[in-house]
């Protein structure tokens, strides 16, 4: 049996998302963004496991699925080897992953019991080491609210306190993109020609993308 997986990512306009989401009544902090990312990533893992558990209990009546929980989120480069070792150890088979073929045993299971153990090992190891694509998603309403407030209010105010006036940020949906990027707005434009001053103010008043990069897609410090 081969189980397919794919790695995807998206860039979404935060302004457009904000129009569809109800931001918190109190301005969120970057810690709130980290908590939201963590909860949303965990929810995606739970959905994956619930779906796969339904398949396993239907295919193998009476099968016992031990509890499983996230041990570590791995990068795309790290995940295959760790997942293969986990599933191989639990199933007693040689489990391999392939971006096209999915997850498979080589040689394939020879008995129904081996097939059941192989499929259960996939369930357990996906719970321990979730596929990296589950750590990537569109920003949630808390992140949208934080980025919007930070770029439009907090960052310009911080720059003014340190003697820098930021040019206006366009009031249009694609002014702020996923990850806090502002492709057509440079808040440091007035000091761009002074390397020392640019370093000073960007350290004191970092760009939203810089702040967001301090936490991973699953809410962990980087």
C-alpha atoms as a PDB file:
ATOM      1  CA  UNK A   1       0.000   0.000   0.000  1.00  0.00           C
ATOM      2  CA  UNK A   2       1.226   3.517  -0.799  1.00  0.00           C
ATOM      3  CA  UNK A   3       0.041   6.570   1.131  1.00  0.00           C
ATOM      4  CA  UNK A   4       0.460   9.826  -0.768  1.00  0.00           C
ATOM      5  CA  UNK A   5       1.544  13.102   0.800  1.00  0.00           C
ATOM      6  CA  UNK A   6       2.297  16.519  -0.636  1.00  0.00           C
ATOM      7  CA  UNK A   7       4.056  19.672   0.523  1.00  0.00           C
ATOM      8  CA  UNK A   8       2.268  22.940  -0.267  1.00  0.00           C
ATOM      9  CA  UNK A   9       2.470  26.559   0.810  1.00  0.00           C
ATOM     10  CA  UNK A  10       0.449  29.678   0.067  1.00  0.00           C
ATOM     11  CA  UNK A  11       0.936  33.422   0.069  1.00  0.00           C
ATOM     12  CA  UNK A  12      -2.265  35.206   1.061  1.00  0.00           C
ATOM     13  CA  UNK A  13      -3.039  38.918   1.284  1.00  0.00           C
ATOM     14  CA  UNK A  14      -3.562  39.799   4.907  1.00  0.00           C
ATOM     15  CA  UNK A  15      -5.852  42.657   4.112  1.00  0.00           C
ATOM     16  CA  UNK A  16      -8.206  40.308   2.286  1.00  0.00           C
ATOM     17  CA  UNK A  17      -8.124  37.843   5.166  1.00  0.00           C
ATOM     18  CA  UNK A  18      -8.850  40.582   7.657  1.00  0.00           C
ATOM     19  CA  UNK A  19     -12.036  41.389   5.786  1.00  0.00           C
ATOM     20  CA  UNK A  20     -13.227  37.813   6.371  1.00  0.00           C
ATOM     21  CA  UNK A  21     -12.016  37.341   9.945  1.00  0.00           C
ATOM     22  CA  UNK A  22     -13.153  38.800  13.234  1.00  0.00           C
ATOM     23  CA  UNK A  23     -10.010  40.067  14.992  1.00  0.00           C
ATOM     24  CA  UNK A  24      -9.755  39.956  18.787  1.00  0.00           C
ATOM     25  CA  UNK A  25     -11.211  42.933  20.691  1.00  0.00           C
ATOM     26  CA  UNK A  26      -7.829  43.495  22.401  1.00  0.00           C
ATOM     27  CA  UNK A  27      -4.762  43.972  20.203  1.00  0.00           C
ATOM     28  CA  UNK A  28      -2.852  40.651  20.192  1.00  0.00           C
ATOM     29  CA  UNK A  29       0.844  40.236  20.918  1.00  0.00           C
ATOM     30  CA  UNK A  30       3.457  38.187  19.094  1.00  0.00           C
ATOM     31  CA  UNK A  31       3.048  35.590  21.855  1.00  0.00           C
ATOM     32  CA  UNK A  32      -0.622  35.349  20.919  1.00  0.00           C
ATOM     33  CA  UNK A  33       0.416  34.760  17.307  1.00  0.00           C
ATOM     34  CA  UNK A  34       2.754  31.959  18.404  1.00  0.00           C
ATOM     35  CA  UNK A  35      -0.021  30.360  20.460  1.00  0.00           C
ATOM     36  CA  UNK A  36      -2.438  30.546  17.528  1.00  0.00           C
ATOM     37  CA  UNK A  37       0.078  28.982  15.138  1.00  0.00           C
ATOM     38  CA  UNK A  38       0.706  26.161  17.607  1.00  0.00           C
ATOM     39  CA  UNK A  39      -2.989  25.443  18.174  1.00  0.00           C
ATOM     40  CA  UNK A  40      -3.802  25.518  14.465  1.00  0.00           C
ATOM     41  CA  UNK A  41      -0.915  23.167  13.645  1.00  0.00           C
ATOM     42  CA  UNK A  42      -1.999  20.747  16.372  1.00  0.00           C
ATOM     43  CA  UNK A  43      -5.566  20.865  15.067  1.00  0.00           C
ATOM     44  CA  UNK A  44      -4.381  19.900  11.580  1.00  0.00           C
ATOM     45  CA  UNK A  45      -2.511  16.918  13.022  1.00  0.00           C
ATOM     46  CA  UNK A  46      -5.599  15.856  14.984  1.00  0.00           C
ATOM     47  CA  UNK A  47      -7.723  16.055  11.835  1.00  0.00           C
ATOM     48  CA  UNK A  48      -5.222  13.906   9.929  1.00  0.00           C
ATOM     49  CA  UNK A  49      -5.123  11.320  12.709  1.00  0.00           C
ATOM     50  CA  UNK A  50      -8.890  11.248  13.153  1.00  0.00           C
ATOM     51  CA  UNK A  51      -9.371  10.627   9.437  1.00  0.00           C
ATOM     52  CA  UNK A  52      -6.734   7.905   9.337  1.00  0.00           C
ATOM     53  CA  UNK A  53      -8.077   6.310  12.532  1.00  0.00           C
ATOM     54  CA  UNK A  54     -11.513   6.026  10.912  1.00  0.00           C
ATOM     55  CA  UNK A  55      -9.900   4.230   7.985  1.00  0.00           C
ATOM     56  CA  UNK A  56      -7.934   1.862  10.231  1.00  0.00           C
ATOM     57  CA  UNK A  57     -10.855   0.894  12.466  1.00  0.00           C
ATOM     58  CA  UNK A  58     -12.995   0.244   9.400  1.00  0.00           C
ATOM     59  CA  UNK A  59     -10.319  -1.793   7.618  1.00  0.00           C
ATOM     60  CA  UNK A  60      -9.138  -3.659  10.715  1.00  0.00           C
ATOM     61  CA  UNK A  61     -12.110  -4.241  13.076  1.00  0.00           C
ATOM     62  CA  UNK A  62     -10.931  -4.461  16.672  1.00  0.00           C
ATOM     63  CA  UNK A  63      -7.581  -2.805  15.982  1.00  0.00           C
ATOM     64  CA  UNK A  64      -6.120  -1.003  18.992  1.00  0.00           C
ATOM     65  CA  UNK A  65      -4.603   2.400  18.276  1.00  0.00           C
ATOM     66  CA  UNK A  66      -2.259   3.456  21.097  1.00  0.00           C
ATOM     67  CA  UNK A  67      -2.151   7.146  22.027  1.00  0.00           C
ATOM     68  CA  UNK A  68       0.250   9.247  20.006  1.00  0.00           C
ATOM     69  CA  UNK A  69       1.368  12.848  20.459  1.00  0.00           C
ATOM     70  CA  UNK A  70       3.721  15.267  18.767  1.00  0.00           C
ATOM     71  CA  UNK A  71       7.349  14.709  19.766  1.00  0.00           C
ATOM     72  CA  UNK A  72       8.918  17.075  17.272  1.00  0.00           C
ATOM     73  CA  UNK A  73       8.129  19.144  14.212  1.00  0.00           C
ATOM     74  CA  UNK A  74      10.806  18.441  11.610  1.00  0.00           C
ATOM     75  CA  UNK A  75      11.945  20.322   8.531  1.00  0.00           C
ATOM     76  CA  UNK A  76      11.191  18.990   5.062  1.00  0.00           C
ATOM     77  CA  UNK A  77      14.765  17.725   4.788  1.00  0.00           C
ATOM     78  CA  UNK A  78      14.795  16.006   8.195  1.00  0.00           C
ATOM     79  CA  UNK A  79      11.365  14.407   8.149  1.00  0.00           C
ATOM     80  CA  UNK A  80      11.755  11.433   5.733  1.00  0.00           C
ATOM     81  CA  UNK A  81      14.631   9.730   7.569  1.00  0.00           C
ATOM     82  CA  UNK A  82      13.092  10.193  11.031  1.00  0.00           C
ATOM     83  CA  UNK A  83       9.639   9.070   9.902  1.00  0.00           C
ATOM     84  CA  UNK A  84      11.064   6.041   8.068  1.00  0.00           C
ATOM     85  CA  UNK A  85      13.031   4.984  11.157  1.00  0.00           C
ATOM     86  CA  UNK A  86       9.962   5.369  13.374  1.00  0.00           C
ATOM     87  CA  UNK A  87       7.629   3.399  11.102  1.00  0.00           C
ATOM     88  CA  UNK A  88      10.237   0.721  10.385  1.00  0.00           C
ATOM     89  CA  UNK A  89      10.829   0.205  14.110  1.00  0.00           C
ATOM     90  CA  UNK A  90       7.126  -0.058  14.931  1.00  0.00           C
ATOM     91  CA  UNK A  91       6.114  -2.242  11.986  1.00  0.00           C
ATOM     92  CA  UNK A  92       9.158  -4.508  11.752  1.00  0.00           C
ATOM     93  CA  UNK A  93       9.297  -3.685   8.021  1.00  0.00           C
ATOM     94  CA  UNK A  94      11.561  -1.459   5.959  1.00  0.00           C
ATOM     95  CA  UNK A  95       9.453   1.674   5.450  1.00  0.00           C
ATOM     96  CA  UNK A  96      10.367   4.266   2.874  1.00  0.00           C
ATOM     97  CA  UNK A  97       8.898   7.580   1.732  1.00  0.00           C
ATOM     98  CA  UNK A  98       8.862   9.133  -1.708  1.00  0.00           C
ATOM     99  CA  UNK A  99       7.479  12.501  -2.787  1.00  0.00           C
ATOM    100  CA  UNK A 100       5.626  10.827  -5.676  1.00  0.00           C
ATOM    101  CA  UNK A 101       4.902   7.301  -4.431  1.00  0.00           C
ATOM    102  CA  UNK A 102       4.096   8.202  -0.834  1.00  0.00           C
ATOM    103  CA  UNK A 103       4.819   5.899   2.124  1.00  0.00           C
ATOM    104  CA  UNK A 104       5.475   2.228   1.389  1.00  0.00           C
ATOM    105  CA  UNK A 105       7.225  -0.886   2.708  1.00  0.00           C
ATOM    106  CA  UNK A 106      10.008  -2.483   0.673  1.00  0.00           C
ATOM    107  CA  UNK A 107       9.552  -5.406   0.420  1.00  0.00           C
ATOM    108  CA  UNK A 108       5.777  -5.098   0.761  1.00  0.00           C
ATOM    109  CA  UNK A 109       3.888  -6.701   3.680  1.00  0.00           C
ATOM    110  CA  UNK A 110       3.369 -10.421   3.101  1.00  0.00           C
ATOM    111  CA  UNK A 111       0.512 -11.077   5.527  1.00  0.00           C
ATOM    112  CA  UNK A 112      -2.594  -9.317   6.743  1.00  0.00           C
ATOM    113  CA  UNK A 113      -0.938  -8.863  10.137  1.00  0.00           C
ATOM    114  CA  UNK A 114       2.087  -7.204   8.571  1.00  0.00           C
ATOM    115  CA  UNK A 115      -0.152  -4.913   6.541  1.00  0.00           C
ATOM    116  CA  UNK A 116      -2.096  -3.929   9.666  1.00  0.00           C
ATOM    117  CA  UNK A 117       1.101  -3.235  11.602  1.00  0.00           C
ATOM    118  CA  UNK A 118       2.474  -1.199   8.694  1.00  0.00           C
ATOM    119  CA  UNK A 119      -0.637   0.955   8.480  1.00  0.00           C
ATOM    120  CA  UNK A 120      -0.820   1.433  12.253  1.00  0.00           C
ATOM    121  CA  UNK A 121       2.849   2.482  12.261  1.00  0.00           C
ATOM    122  CA  UNK A 122       2.024   5.234   9.775  1.00  0.00           C
ATOM    123  CA  UNK A 123      -0.709   6.479  12.096  1.00  0.00           C
ATOM    124  CA  UNK A 124       1.530   6.494  15.164  1.00  0.00           C
ATOM    125  CA  UNK A 125       4.562   8.037  13.487  1.00  0.00           C
ATOM    126  CA  UNK A 126       2.549  10.768  11.783  1.00  0.00           C
ATOM    127  CA  UNK A 127       1.320  11.656  15.251  1.00  0.00           C
ATOM    128  CA  UNK A 128       4.868  11.755  16.648  1.00  0.00           C
ATOM    129  CA  UNK A 129       6.493  13.453  13.668  1.00  0.00           C
ATOM    130  CA  UNK A 130       3.795  15.205  11.624  1.00  0.00           C
ATOM    131  CA  UNK A 131       4.385  15.673   7.884  1.00  0.00           C
ATOM    132  CA  UNK A 132       6.008  19.107   7.454  1.00  0.00           C
ATOM    133  CA  UNK A 133       3.214  20.360   5.190  1.00  0.00           C
ATOM    134  CA  UNK A 134       0.893  20.334   8.231  1.00  0.00           C
ATOM    135  CA  UNK A 135       3.026  23.084   9.744  1.00  0.00           C
ATOM    136  CA  UNK A 136       2.269  25.464   6.898  1.00  0.00           C
ATOM    137  CA  UNK A 137      -1.023  27.253   6.556  1.00  0.00           C
ATOM    138  CA  UNK A 138      -2.635  30.604   5.864  1.00  0.00           C
ATOM    139  CA  UNK A 139      -2.364  33.041   8.785  1.00  0.00           C
ATOM    140  CA  UNK A 140      -5.183  32.905  11.309  1.00  0.00           C
ATOM    141  CA  UNK A 141      -7.294  35.851  12.521  1.00  0.00           C
ATOM    142  CA  UNK A 142      -4.978  36.592  15.463  1.00  0.00           C
ATOM    143  CA  UNK A 143      -1.951  36.812  13.171  1.00  0.00           C
ATOM    144  CA  UNK A 144      -3.866  38.945  10.686  1.00  0.00           C
ATOM    145  CA  UNK A 145      -4.881  41.336  13.476  1.00  0.00           C
ATOM    146  CA  UNK A 146      -1.343  41.514  14.880  1.00  0.00           C
ATOM    147  CA  UNK A 147       0.338  42.178  11.533  1.00  0.00           C
ATOM    148  CA  UNK A 148      -2.245  44.771  10.545  1.00  0.00           C
ATOM    149  CA  UNK A 149      -1.944  46.684  13.830  1.00  0.00           C
ATOM    150  CA  UNK A 150       1.843  46.401  13.910  1.00  0.00           C
ATOM    151  CA  UNK A 151       2.417  47.586  10.333  1.00  0.00           C
ATOM    152  CA  UNK A 152      -0.200  50.331  10.322  1.00  0.00           C
ATOM    153  CA  UNK A 153       0.153  51.662  13.876  1.00  0.00           C
ATOM    154  CA  UNK A 154       2.911  50.224  16.076  1.00  0.00           C
ATOM    155  CA  UNK A 155       5.822  50.322  13.633  1.00  0.00           C
ATOM    156  CA  UNK A 156       5.206  53.911  12.389  1.00  0.00           C
ATOM    157  CA  UNK A 157       4.771  55.060  16.015  1.00  0.00           C
ATOM    158  CA  UNK A 158       8.025  53.355  17.048  1.00  0.00           C
ATOM    159  CA  UNK A 159       9.877  54.976  14.153  1.00  0.00           C
ATOM    160  CA  UNK A 160       8.519  58.420  15.073  1.00  0.00           C
ATOM    161  CA  UNK A 161       9.793  57.966  18.628  1.00  0.00           C
ATOM    162  CA  UNK A 162      13.248  57.453  17.186  1.00  0.00           C
ATOM    163  CA  UNK A 163      13.144  60.371  14.794  1.00  0.00           C
ATOM    164  CA  UNK A 164      12.062  58.626  11.605  1.00  0.00           C
ATOM    165  CA  UNK A 165       8.864  59.291   9.685  1.00  0.00           C
ATOM    166  CA  UNK A 166       7.655  56.324   7.668  1.00  0.00           C
ATOM    167  CA  UNK A 167       5.963  56.959   4.329  1.00  0.00           C
ATOM    168  CA  UNK A 168       2.236  56.113   4.253  1.00  0.00           C
ATOM    169  CA  UNK A 169       1.280  52.454   3.939  1.00  0.00           C
ATOM    170  CA  UNK A 170      -1.200  51.973   1.108  1.00  0.00           C
ATOM    171  CA  UNK A 171      -4.757  51.274   2.218  1.00  0.00           C
ATOM    172  CA  UNK A 172      -5.393  48.334  -0.112  1.00  0.00           C
ATOM    173  CA  UNK A 173      -5.772  44.560   0.360  1.00  0.00           C
ATOM    174  CA  UNK A 174      -2.350  43.522  -0.937  1.00  0.00           C
ATOM    175  CA  UNK A 175      -0.296  46.119   0.974  1.00  0.00           C
ATOM    176  CA  UNK A 176       0.614  43.482   3.596  1.00  0.00           C
ATOM    177  CA  UNK A 177       1.177  39.885   2.550  1.00  0.00           C
ATOM    178  CA  UNK A 178       1.462  36.590   4.386  1.00  0.00           C
ATOM    179  CA  UNK A 179       4.546  36.520   6.572  1.00  0.00           C
ATOM    180  CA  UNK A 180       4.295  40.257   7.181  1.00  0.00           C
ATOM    181  CA  UNK A 181       6.007  41.281   3.939  1.00  0.00           C
ATOM    182  CA  UNK A 182       5.242  44.720   2.485  1.00  0.00           C
ATOM    183  CA  UNK A 183       6.537  44.555  -1.096  1.00  0.00           C
ATOM    184  CA  UNK A 184       5.558  48.100  -2.059  1.00  0.00           C
ATOM    185  CA  UNK A 185       6.125  49.792   1.314  1.00  0.00           C
ATOM    186  CA  UNK A 186       9.504  50.556   2.822  1.00  0.00           C
ATOM    187  CA  UNK A 187       9.048  51.986   6.338  1.00  0.00           C
ATOM    188  CA  UNK A 188      12.776  52.807   6.438  1.00  0.00           C
ATOM    189  CA  UNK A 189      12.843  54.656   3.114  1.00  0.00           C
ATOM    190  CA  UNK A 190      13.938  57.985   4.615  1.00  0.00           C
ATOM    191  CA  UNK A 191      17.078  56.431   6.161  1.00  0.00           C
ATOM    192  CA  UNK A 192      17.782  53.870   3.458  1.00  0.00           C
ATOM    193  CA  UNK A 193      20.863  55.814   2.331  1.00  0.00           C
ATOM    194  CA  UNK A 194      22.449  55.891   5.803  1.00  0.00           C
ATOM    195  CA  UNK A 195      23.639  52.365   6.668  1.00  0.00           C
ATOM    196  CA  UNK A 196      24.339  53.104  10.328  1.00  0.00           C
ATOM    197  CA  UNK A 197      21.025  54.826  10.951  1.00  0.00           C
ATOM    198  CA  UNK A 198      19.198  52.113   9.047  1.00  0.00           C
ATOM    199  CA  UNK A 199      20.731  49.435  11.286  1.00  0.00           C
ATOM    200  CA  UNK A 200      19.835  51.429  14.383  1.00  0.00           C
ATOM    201  CA  UNK A 201      16.179  52.055  13.622  1.00  0.00           C
ATOM    202  CA  UNK A 202      15.499  48.626  12.102  1.00  0.00           C
ATOM    203  CA  UNK A 203      16.873  47.049  15.284  1.00  0.00           C
ATOM    204  CA  UNK A 204      14.774  49.305  17.509  1.00  0.00           C
ATOM    205  CA  UNK A 205      11.687  49.080  15.304  1.00  0.00           C
ATOM    206  CA  UNK A 206      11.896  45.808  13.340  1.00  0.00           C
ATOM    207  CA  UNK A 207       9.817  45.113  10.262  1.00  0.00           C
ATOM    208  CA  UNK A 208       6.769  42.857  10.862  1.00  0.00           C
ATOM    209  CA  UNK A 209       8.326  40.104   8.739  1.00  0.00           C
ATOM    210  CA  UNK A 210      11.403  40.188  10.993  1.00  0.00           C
ATOM    211  CA  UNK A 211       9.291  39.834  14.131  1.00  0.00           C
ATOM    212  CA  UNK A 212       7.241  36.985  12.651  1.00  0.00           C
ATOM    213  CA  UNK A 213      10.462  35.186  11.715  1.00  0.00           C
ATOM    214  CA  UNK A 214      11.285  34.851  15.422  1.00  0.00           C
ATOM    215  CA  UNK A 215       8.653  32.100  15.644  1.00  0.00           C
ATOM    216  CA  UNK A 216       8.230  29.070  13.425  1.00  0.00           C
ATOM    217  CA  UNK A 217       5.135  28.163  11.430  1.00  0.00           C
ATOM    218  CA  UNK A 218       4.069  25.966  14.374  1.00  0.00           C
ATOM    219  CA  UNK A 219       4.622  28.631  17.025  1.00  0.00           C
ATOM    220  CA  UNK A 220       8.045  27.581  18.297  1.00  0.00           C
ATOM    221  CA  UNK A 221      10.914  30.064  18.863  1.00  0.00           C
ATOM    222  CA  UNK A 222      13.508  30.216  16.102  1.00  0.00           C
END
